[in-house]
mmCIF file of all heavy atoms, coordinates in Angstrom:
data_MODEL
# 
_entry.id   MODEL 
# 
loop_
_atom_site.group_PDB 
_atom_site.id 
_atom_site.type_symbol 
_atom_site.label_atom_id 
_atom_site.label_alt_id 
_atom_site.label_comp_id 
_atom_site.label_asym_id 
_atom_site.label_entity_id 
_atom_site.label_seq_id 
_atom_site.pdbx_PDB_ins_code 
_atom_site.Cartn_x 
_atom_site.Cartn_y 
_atom_site.Cartn_z 
_atom_site.occupancy 
_atom_site.B_iso_or_equiv 
_atom_site.pdbx_formal_charge 
_atom_site.auth_seq_id 
_atom_site.auth_comp_id 
_atom_site.auth_asym_id 
_atom_site.auth_atom_id 
_atom_site.pdbx_PDB_model_num 
ATOM 1   N N   . GLY A 1 1  ? 42.916 -50.370 -13.570 1.00 0.00 ? 1  GLY A N   1 
ATOM 2   C CA  . GLY A 1 1  ? 41.539 -50.192 -13.291 1.00 0.00 ? 1  GLY A CA  1 
ATOM 3   C C   . GLY A 1 1  ? 41.307 -48.805 -12.567 1.00 0.00 ? 1  GLY A C   1 
ATOM 4   O O   . GLY A 1 1  ? 42.213 -47.969 -12.435 1.00 0.00 ? 1  GLY A O   1 
ATOM 5   N N   . SER A 1 2  ? 40.059 -48.599 -12.173 1.00 0.00 ? 2  SER A N   1 
ATOM 6   C CA  . SER A 1 2  ? 39.647 -47.329 -11.682 1.00 0.00 ? 2  SER A CA  1 
ATOM 7   C C   . SER A 1 2  ? 38.758 -47.576 -10.432 1.00 0.00 ? 2  SER A C   1 
ATOM 8   O O   . SER A 1 2  ? 38.089 -48.574 -10.244 1.00 0.00 ? 2  SER A O   1 
ATOM 9   C CB  . SER A 1 2  ? 38.805 -46.527 -12.698 1.00 0.00 ? 2  SER A CB  1 
ATOM 10  O OG  . SER A 1 2  ? 39.626 -46.300 -13.906 1.00 0.00 ? 2  SER A OG  1 
ATOM 11  N N   . LEU A 1 3  ? 38.737 -46.496 -9.571  1.00 0.00 ? 3  LEU A N   1 
ATOM 12  C CA  . LEU A 1 3  ? 37.863 -46.468 -8.382  1.00 0.00 ? 3  LEU A CA  1 
ATOM 13  C C   . LEU A 1 3  ? 37.459 -45.053 -8.202  1.00 0.00 ? 3  LEU A C   1 
ATOM 14  O O   . LEU A 1 3  ? 38.135 -44.090 -8.689  1.00 0.00 ? 3  LEU A O   1 
ATOM 15  C CB  . LEU A 1 3  ? 38.570 -46.964 -7.173  1.00 0.00 ? 3  LEU A CB  1 
ATOM 16  C CG  . LEU A 1 3  ? 38.870 -48.407 -6.967  1.00 0.00 ? 3  LEU A CG  1 
ATOM 17  C CD1 . LEU A 1 3  ? 39.783 -48.619 -5.698  1.00 0.00 ? 3  LEU A CD1 1 
ATOM 18  C CD2 . LEU A 1 3  ? 37.562 -49.248 -6.802  1.00 0.00 ? 3  LEU A CD2 1 
ATOM 19  N N   . ARG A 1 4  ? 36.352 -44.779 -7.528  1.00 0.00 ? 4  ARG A N   1 
ATOM 20  C CA  . ARG A 1 4  ? 35.928 -43.523 -7.098  1.00 0.00 ? 4  ARG A CA  1 
ATOM 21  C C   . ARG A 1 4  ? 35.743 -43.502 -5.635  1.00 0.00 ? 4  ARG A C   1 
ATOM 22  O O   . ARG A 1 4  ? 34.881 -44.278 -5.091  1.00 0.00 ? 4  ARG A O   1 
ATOM 23  C CB  . ARG A 1 4  ? 34.657 -43.022 -7.840  1.00 0.00 ? 4  ARG A CB  1 
ATOM 24  C CG  . ARG A 1 4  ? 34.322 -41.604 -7.522  1.00 0.00 ? 4  ARG A CG  1 
ATOM 25  C CD  . ARG A 1 4  ? 32.992 -41.114 -8.109  1.00 0.00 ? 4  ARG A CD  1 
ATOM 26  N NE  . ARG A 1 4  ? 31.845 -41.623 -7.434  1.00 0.00 ? 4  ARG A NE  1 
ATOM 27  C CZ  . ARG A 1 4  ? 30.669 -41.187 -7.596  1.00 0.00 ? 4  ARG A CZ  1 
ATOM 28  N NH1 . ARG A 1 4  ? 30.381 -40.202 -8.496  1.00 0.00 ? 4  ARG A NH1 1 
ATOM 29  N NH2 . ARG A 1 4  ? 29.599 -41.677 -6.950  1.00 0.00 ? 4  ARG A NH2 1 
ATOM 30  N N   . LEU A 1 5  ? 36.494 -42.704 -4.892  1.00 0.00 ? 5  LEU A N   1 
ATOM 31  C CA  . LEU A 1 5  ? 36.368 -42.441 -3.472  1.00 0.00 ? 5  LEU A CA  1 
ATOM 32  C C   . LEU A 1 5  ? 35.437 -41.322 -3.172  1.00 0.00 ? 5  LEU A C   1 
ATOM 33  O O   . LEU A 1 5  ? 35.445 -40.332 -3.909  1.00 0.00 ? 5  LEU A O   1 
ATOM 34  C CB  . LEU A 1 5  ? 37.666 -42.261 -2.819  1.00 0.00 ? 5  LEU A CB  1 
ATOM 35  C CG  . LEU A 1 5  ? 38.788 -43.267 -3.097  1.00 0.00 ? 5  LEU A CG  1 
ATOM 36  C CD1 . LEU A 1 5  ? 40.063 -42.990 -2.328  1.00 0.00 ? 5  LEU A CD1 1 
ATOM 37  C CD2 . LEU A 1 5  ? 38.282 -44.723 -2.841  1.00 0.00 ? 5  LEU A CD2 1 
ATOM 38  N N   . SER A 1 6  ? 34.668 -41.396 -2.140  1.00 0.00 ? 6  SER A N   1 
ATOM 39  C CA  . SER A 1 6  ? 33.790 -40.344 -1.720  1.00 0.00 ? 6  SER A CA  1 
ATOM 40  C C   . SER A 1 6  ? 34.030 -40.007 -0.286  1.00 0.00 ? 6  SER A C   1 
ATOM 41  O O   . SER A 1 6  ? 34.252 -40.868 0.559   1.00 0.00 ? 6  SER A O   1 
ATOM 42  C CB  . SER A 1 6  ? 32.260 -40.855 -1.974  1.00 0.00 ? 6  SER A CB  1 
ATOM 43  O OG  . SER A 1 6  ? 31.392 -39.810 -1.497  1.00 0.00 ? 6  SER A OG  1 
ATOM 44  N N   . CYS A 1 7  ? 33.868 -38.667 0.019   1.00 0.00 ? 7  CYS A N   1 
ATOM 45  C CA  . CYS A 1 7  ? 34.041 -38.175 1.379   1.00 0.00 ? 7  CYS A CA  1 
ATOM 46  C C   . CYS A 1 7  ? 32.809 -37.295 1.635   1.00 0.00 ? 7  CYS A C   1 
ATOM 47  O O   . CYS A 1 7  ? 32.664 -36.239 1.008   1.00 0.00 ? 7  CYS A O   1 
ATOM 48  C CB  . CYS A 1 7  ? 35.365 -37.419 1.538   1.00 0.00 ? 7  CYS A CB  1 
ATOM 49  S SG  . CYS A 1 7  ? 35.539 -36.720 3.156   1.00 0.00 ? 7  CYS A SG  1 
ATOM 50  N N   . ALA A 1 8  ? 31.957 -37.701 2.586   1.00 0.00 ? 8  ALA A N   1 
ATOM 51  C CA  . ALA A 1 8  ? 30.810 -36.954 2.938   1.00 0.00 ? 8  ALA A CA  1 
ATOM 52  C C   . ALA A 1 8  ? 31.038 -36.069 4.224   1.00 0.00 ? 8  ALA A C   1 
ATOM 53  O O   . ALA A 1 8  ? 31.487 -36.619 5.203   1.00 0.00 ? 8  ALA A O   1 
ATOM 54  C CB  . ALA A 1 8  ? 29.538 -37.851 3.146   1.00 0.00 ? 8  ALA A CB  1 
ATOM 55  N N   . ALA A 1 9  ? 30.813 -34.778 4.094   1.00 0.00 ? 9  ALA A N   1 
ATOM 56  C CA  . ALA A 1 9  ? 31.054 -33.801 5.181   1.00 0.00 ? 9  ALA A CA  1 
ATOM 57  C C   . ALA A 1 9  ? 29.734 -33.529 5.901   1.00 0.00 ? 9  ALA A C   1 
ATOM 58  O O   . ALA A 1 9  ? 28.726 -33.295 5.220   1.00 0.00 ? 9  ALA A O   1 
ATOM 59  C CB  . ALA A 1 9  ? 31.728 -32.557 4.709   1.00 0.00 ? 9  ALA A CB  1 
ATOM 60  N N   . SER A 1 10 ? 29.770 -33.471 7.127   1.00 0.00 ? 10 SER A N   1 
ATOM 61  C CA  . SER A 1 10 ? 28.582 -33.131 7.947   1.00 0.00 ? 10 SER A CA  1 
ATOM 62  C C   . SER A 1 10 ? 29.009 -32.259 9.155   1.00 0.00 ? 10 SER A C   1 
ATOM 63  O O   . SER A 1 10 ? 30.209 -32.158 9.471   1.00 0.00 ? 10 SER A O   1 
ATOM 64  C CB  . SER A 1 10 ? 27.800 -34.338 8.400   1.00 0.00 ? 10 SER A CB  1 
ATOM 65  O OG  . SER A 1 10 ? 28.554 -35.205 9.232   1.00 0.00 ? 10 SER A OG  1 
ATOM 66  N N   . GLY A 1 11 ? 28.082 -31.684 9.851   1.00 0.00 ? 11 GLY A N   1 
ATOM 67  C CA  . GLY A 1 11 ? 28.316 -30.815 10.970  1.00 0.00 ? 11 GLY A CA  1 
ATOM 68  C C   . GLY A 1 11 ? 28.471 -29.375 10.523  1.00 0.00 ? 11 GLY A C   1 
ATOM 69  O O   . GLY A 1 11 ? 27.973 -28.941 9.536   1.00 0.00 ? 11 GLY A O   1 
ATOM 70  N N   . ARG A 1 12 ? 29.300 -28.621 11.346  1.00 0.00 ? 12 ARG A N   1 
ATOM 71  C CA  . ARG A 1 12 ? 29.471 -27.237 11.105  1.00 0.00 ? 12 ARG A CA  1 
ATOM 72  C C   . ARG A 1 12 ? 30.600 -27.068 10.117  1.00 0.00 ? 12 ARG A C   1 
ATOM 73  O O   . ARG A 1 12 ? 31.811 -26.940 10.433  1.00 0.00 ? 12 ARG A O   1 
ATOM 74  C CB  . ARG A 1 12 ? 29.804 -26.575 12.462  1.00 0.00 ? 12 ARG A CB  1 
ATOM 75  C CG  . ARG A 1 12 ? 29.834 -24.959 12.338  1.00 0.00 ? 12 ARG A CG  1 
ATOM 76  C CD  . ARG A 1 12 ? 29.978 -24.342 13.698  1.00 0.00 ? 12 ARG A CD  1 
ATOM 77  N NE  . ARG A 1 12 ? 29.928 -22.929 13.636  1.00 0.00 ? 12 ARG A NE  1 
ATOM 78  C CZ  . ARG A 1 12 ? 30.993 -22.150 13.482  1.00 0.00 ? 12 ARG A CZ  1 
ATOM 79  N NH1 . ARG A 1 12 ? 32.166 -22.695 13.351  1.00 0.00 ? 12 ARG A NH1 1 
ATOM 80  N NH2 . ARG A 1 12 ? 30.895 -20.857 13.413  1.00 0.00 ? 12 ARG A NH2 1 
ATOM 81  N N   . THR A 1 13 ? 30.297 -26.963 8.884   1.00 0.00 ? 13 THR A N   1 
ATOM 82  C CA  . THR A 1 13 ? 31.230 -26.846 7.779   1.00 0.00 ? 13 THR A CA  1 
ATOM 83  C C   . THR A 1 13 ? 31.764 -25.402 7.701   1.00 0.00 ? 13 THR A C   1 
ATOM 84  O O   . THR A 1 13 ? 31.110 -24.465 8.084   1.00 0.00 ? 13 THR A O   1 
ATOM 85  C CB  . THR A 1 13 ? 30.718 -27.305 6.447   1.00 0.00 ? 13 THR A CB  1 
ATOM 86  O OG1 . THR A 1 13 ? 29.505 -26.562 6.203   1.00 0.00 ? 13 THR A OG1 1 
ATOM 87  C CG2 . THR A 1 13 ? 30.309 -28.752 6.493   1.00 0.00 ? 13 THR A CG2 1 
ATOM 88  N N   . PHE A 1 14 ? 32.886 -25.255 7.103   1.00 0.00 ? 14 PHE A N   1 
ATOM 89  C CA  . PHE A 1 14 ? 33.478 -23.881 6.818   1.00 0.00 ? 14 PHE A CA  1 
ATOM 90  C C   . PHE A 1 14 ? 32.755 -23.221 5.670   1.00 0.00 ? 14 PHE A C   1 
ATOM 91  O O   . PHE A 1 14 ? 32.198 -23.865 4.783   1.00 0.00 ? 14 PHE A O   1 
ATOM 92  C CB  . PHE A 1 14 ? 34.956 -24.054 6.470   1.00 0.00 ? 14 PHE A CB  1 
ATOM 93  C CG  . PHE A 1 14 ? 35.743 -24.667 7.590   1.00 0.00 ? 14 PHE A CG  1 
ATOM 94  C CD1 . PHE A 1 14 ? 36.461 -25.820 7.261   1.00 0.00 ? 14 PHE A CD1 1 
ATOM 95  C CD2 . PHE A 1 14 ? 35.832 -24.089 8.818   1.00 0.00 ? 14 PHE A CD2 1 
ATOM 96  C CE1 . PHE A 1 14 ? 37.235 -26.407 8.290   1.00 0.00 ? 14 PHE A CE1 1 
ATOM 97  C CE2 . PHE A 1 14 ? 36.583 -24.774 9.846   1.00 0.00 ? 14 PHE A CE2 1 
ATOM 98  C CZ  . PHE A 1 14 ? 37.253 -25.891 9.611   1.00 0.00 ? 14 PHE A CZ  1 
ATOM 99  N N   . SER A 1 15 ? 32.743 -21.921 5.626   1.00 0.00 ? 15 SER A N   1 
ATOM 100 C CA  . SER A 1 15 ? 32.066 -21.116 4.567   1.00 0.00 ? 15 SER A CA  1 
ATOM 101 C C   . SER A 1 15 ? 32.900 -21.206 3.259   1.00 0.00 ? 15 SER A C   1 
ATOM 102 O O   . SER A 1 15 ? 32.278 -21.315 2.212   1.00 0.00 ? 15 SER A O   1 
ATOM 103 C CB  . SER A 1 15 ? 31.926 -19.723 4.978   1.00 0.00 ? 15 SER A CB  1 
ATOM 104 O OG  . SER A 1 15 ? 33.123 -19.094 5.287   1.00 0.00 ? 15 SER A OG  1 
ATOM 105 N N   . ASN A 1 16 ? 34.211 -21.236 3.306   1.00 0.00 ? 16 ASN A N   1 
ATOM 106 C CA  . ASN A 1 16 ? 35.051 -21.303 2.160   1.00 0.00 ? 16 ASN A CA  1 
ATOM 107 C C   . ASN A 1 16 ? 36.139 -22.315 2.375   1.00 0.00 ? 16 ASN A C   1 
ATOM 108 O O   . ASN A 1 16 ? 37.280 -22.037 2.421   1.00 0.00 ? 16 ASN A O   1 
ATOM 109 C CB  . ASN A 1 16 ? 35.666 -19.925 1.876   1.00 0.00 ? 16 ASN A CB  1 
ATOM 110 C CG  . ASN A 1 16 ? 34.588 -18.828 1.617   1.00 0.00 ? 16 ASN A CG  1 
ATOM 111 O OD1 . ASN A 1 16 ? 34.467 -17.972 2.487   1.00 0.00 ? 16 ASN A OD1 1 
ATOM 112 N ND2 . ASN A 1 16 ? 33.911 -18.899 0.515   1.00 0.00 ? 16 ASN A ND2 1 
ATOM 113 N N   . PRO A 1 17 ? 35.738 -23.603 2.489   1.00 0.00 ? 17 PRO A N   1 
ATOM 114 C CA  . PRO A 1 17 ? 36.710 -24.627 2.833   1.00 0.00 ? 17 PRO A CA  1 
ATOM 115 C C   . PRO A 1 17 ? 37.615 -25.054 1.701   1.00 0.00 ? 17 PRO A C   1 
ATOM 116 O O   . PRO A 1 17 ? 37.223 -24.897 0.556   1.00 0.00 ? 17 PRO A O   1 
ATOM 117 C CB  . PRO A 1 17 ? 35.824 -25.772 3.290   1.00 0.00 ? 17 PRO A CB  1 
ATOM 118 C CG  . PRO A 1 17 ? 34.548 -25.592 2.414   1.00 0.00 ? 17 PRO A CG  1 
ATOM 119 C CD  . PRO A 1 17 ? 34.347 -24.195 2.312   1.00 0.00 ? 17 PRO A CD  1 
ATOM 120 N N   . ALA A 1 18 ? 38.729 -25.621 2.104   1.00 0.00 ? 18 ALA A N   1 
ATOM 121 C CA  . ALA A 1 18 ? 39.515 -26.402 1.140   1.00 0.00 ? 18 ALA A CA  1 
ATOM 122 C C   . ALA A 1 18 ? 39.382 -27.844 1.637   1.00 0.00 ? 18 ALA A C   1 
ATOM 123 O O   . ALA A 1 18 ? 39.256 -28.208 2.824   1.00 0.00 ? 18 ALA A O   1 
ATOM 124 C CB  . ALA A 1 18 ? 40.944 -26.008 1.176   1.00 0.00 ? 18 ALA A CB  1 
ATOM 125 N N   . MET A 1 19 ? 39.325 -28.723 0.662   1.00 0.00 ? 19 MET A N   1 
ATOM 126 C CA  . MET A 1 19 ? 39.306 -30.196 0.980   1.00 0.00 ? 19 MET A CA  1 
ATOM 127 C C   . MET A 1 19 ? 40.437 -30.853 0.220   1.00 0.00 ? 19 MET A C   1 
ATOM 128 O O   . MET A 1 19 ? 40.950 -30.386 -0.758  1.00 0.00 ? 19 MET A O   1 
ATOM 129 C CB  . MET A 1 19 ? 37.994 -30.810 0.386   1.00 0.00 ? 19 MET A CB  1 
ATOM 130 C CG  . MET A 1 19 ? 36.706 -30.220 1.048   1.00 0.00 ? 19 MET A CG  1 
ATOM 131 S SD  . MET A 1 19 ? 36.532 -30.648 2.817   1.00 0.00 ? 19 MET A SD  1 
ATOM 132 C CE  . MET A 1 19 ? 36.231 -32.399 2.672   1.00 0.00 ? 19 MET A CE  1 
ATOM 133 N N   . GLY A 1 20 ? 40.837 -31.929 0.802   1.00 0.00 ? 20 GLY A N   1 
ATOM 134 C CA  . GLY A 1 20 ? 41.989 -32.651 0.261   1.00 0.00 ? 20 GLY A CA  1 
ATOM 135 C C   . GLY A 1 20 ? 41.979 -34.171 0.462   1.00 0.00 ? 20 GLY A C   1 
ATOM 136 O O   . GLY A 1 20 ? 41.162 -34.640 1.239   1.00 0.00 ? 20 GLY A O   1 
ATOM 137 N N   . TRP A 1 21 ? 42.799 -34.807 -0.231  1.00 0.00 ? 21 TRP A N   1 
ATOM 138 C CA  . TRP A 1 21 ? 43.028 -36.230 -0.048  1.00 0.00 ? 21 TRP A CA  1 
ATOM 139 C C   . TRP A 1 21 ? 44.523 -36.504 0.211   1.00 0.00 ? 21 TRP A C   1 
ATOM 140 O O   . TRP A 1 21 ? 45.414 -35.936 -0.494  1.00 0.00 ? 21 TRP A O   1 
ATOM 141 C CB  . TRP A 1 21 ? 42.601 -37.000 -1.281  1.00 0.00 ? 21 TRP A CB  1 
ATOM 142 C CG  . TRP A 1 21 ? 41.124 -37.069 -1.512  1.00 0.00 ? 21 TRP A CG  1 
ATOM 143 C CD1 . TRP A 1 21 ? 40.352 -36.223 -2.243  1.00 0.00 ? 21 TRP A CD1 1 
ATOM 144 C CD2 . TRP A 1 21 ? 40.252 -38.059 -1.015  1.00 0.00 ? 21 TRP A CD2 1 
ATOM 145 N NE1 . TRP A 1 21 ? 39.064 -36.604 -2.155  1.00 0.00 ? 21 TRP A NE1 1 
ATOM 146 C CE2 . TRP A 1 21 ? 38.934 -37.764 -1.378  1.00 0.00 ? 21 TRP A CE2 1 
ATOM 147 C CE3 . TRP A 1 21 ? 40.396 -39.229 -0.150  1.00 0.00 ? 21 TRP A CE3 1 
ATOM 148 C CZ2 . TRP A 1 21 ? 37.821 -38.527 -1.086  1.00 0.00 ? 21 TRP A CZ2 1 
ATOM 149 C CZ3 . TRP A 1 21 ? 39.260 -39.953 0.199   1.00 0.00 ? 21 TRP A CZ3 1 
ATOM 150 C CH2 . TRP A 1 21 ? 38.041 -39.620 -0.327  1.00 0.00 ? 21 TRP A CH2 1 
ATOM 151 N N   . PHE A 1 22 ? 44.755 -37.417 1.199   1.00 0.00 ? 22 PHE A N   1 
ATOM 152 C CA  . PHE A 1 22 ? 46.144 -37.909 1.435   1.00 0.00 ? 22 PHE A CA  1 
ATOM 153 C C   . PHE A 1 22 ? 46.001 -39.423 1.411   1.00 0.00 ? 22 PHE A C   1 
ATOM 154 O O   . PHE A 1 22 ? 44.937 -40.058 1.410   1.00 0.00 ? 22 PHE A O   1 
ATOM 155 C CB  . PHE A 1 22 ? 46.539 -37.491 2.856   1.00 0.00 ? 22 PHE A CB  1 
ATOM 156 C CG  . PHE A 1 22 ? 46.899 -36.040 3.015   1.00 0.00 ? 22 PHE A CG  1 
ATOM 157 C CD1 . PHE A 1 22 ? 45.995 -35.033 3.015   1.00 0.00 ? 22 PHE A CD1 1 
ATOM 158 C CD2 . PHE A 1 22 ? 48.265 -35.645 3.065   1.00 0.00 ? 22 PHE A CD2 1 
ATOM 159 C CE1 . PHE A 1 22 ? 46.293 -33.696 3.143   1.00 0.00 ? 22 PHE A CE1 1 
ATOM 160 C CE2 . PHE A 1 22 ? 48.612 -34.301 3.249   1.00 0.00 ? 22 PHE A CE2 1 
ATOM 161 C CZ  . PHE A 1 22 ? 47.654 -33.299 3.264   1.00 0.00 ? 22 PHE A CZ  1 
ATOM 162 N N   . ARG A 1 23 ? 47.198 -40.088 1.320   1.00 0.00 ? 23 ARG A N   1 
ATOM 163 C CA  . ARG A 1 23 ? 47.286 -41.505 1.385   1.00 0.00 ? 23 ARG A CA  1 
ATOM 164 C C   . ARG A 1 23 ? 48.487 -41.945 2.189   1.00 0.00 ? 23 ARG A C   1 
ATOM 165 O O   . ARG A 1 23 ? 49.478 -41.179 2.356   1.00 0.00 ? 23 ARG A O   1 
ATOM 166 C CB  . ARG A 1 23 ? 47.352 -42.116 0.049   1.00 0.00 ? 23 ARG A CB  1 
ATOM 167 C CG  . ARG A 1 23 ? 48.636 -41.867 -0.751  1.00 0.00 ? 23 ARG A CG  1 
ATOM 168 C CD  . ARG A 1 23 ? 48.492 -42.363 -2.174  1.00 0.00 ? 23 ARG A CD  1 
ATOM 169 N NE  . ARG A 1 23 ? 49.765 -42.125 -2.943  1.00 0.00 ? 23 ARG A NE  1 
ATOM 170 C CZ  . ARG A 1 23 ? 49.839 -42.392 -4.255  1.00 0.00 ? 23 ARG A CZ  1 
ATOM 171 N NH1 . ARG A 1 23 ? 48.813 -42.932 -4.903  1.00 0.00 ? 23 ARG A NH1 1 
ATOM 172 N NH2 . ARG A 1 23 ? 51.017 -42.191 -4.869  1.00 0.00 ? 23 ARG A NH2 1 
ATOM 173 N N   . GLN A 1 24 ? 48.378 -43.097 2.850   1.00 0.00 ? 24 GLN A N   1 
ATOM 174 C CA  . GLN A 1 24 ? 49.413 -43.580 3.639   1.00 0.00 ? 24 GLN A CA  1 
ATOM 175 C C   . GLN A 1 24 ? 49.605 -45.106 3.420   1.00 0.00 ? 24 GLN A C   1 
ATOM 176 O O   . GLN A 1 24 ? 48.663 -45.843 3.661   1.00 0.00 ? 24 GLN A O   1 
ATOM 177 C CB  . GLN A 1 24 ? 49.184 -43.306 5.107   1.00 0.00 ? 24 GLN A CB  1 
ATOM 178 C CG  . GLN A 1 24 ? 50.418 -43.653 6.024   1.00 0.00 ? 24 GLN A CG  1 
ATOM 179 C CD  . GLN A 1 24 ? 50.289 -43.047 7.379   1.00 0.00 ? 24 GLN A CD  1 
ATOM 180 O OE1 . GLN A 1 24 ? 49.167 -42.766 7.860   1.00 0.00 ? 24 GLN A OE1 1 
ATOM 181 N NE2 . GLN A 1 24 ? 51.404 -42.859 8.058   1.00 0.00 ? 24 GLN A NE2 1 
ATOM 182 N N   . ALA A 1 25 ? 50.785 -45.490 2.899   1.00 0.00 ? 25 ALA A N   1 
ATOM 183 C CA  . ALA A 1 25 ? 51.063 -46.924 2.657   1.00 0.00 ? 25 ALA A CA  1 
ATOM 184 C C   . ALA A 1 25 ? 51.764 -47.483 3.919   1.00 0.00 ? 25 ALA A C   1 
ATOM 185 O O   . ALA A 1 25 ? 52.315 -46.679 4.762   1.00 0.00 ? 25 ALA A O   1 
ATOM 186 C CB  . ALA A 1 25 ? 51.969 -47.099 1.463   1.00 0.00 ? 25 ALA A CB  1 
# 
């Protein structure tokens, strides 16, 4: 199956940011 995860950023964001996803079992 499938899922879609979402991450909403707020506050003082970077001008040229990188974003990423990690996981931990």
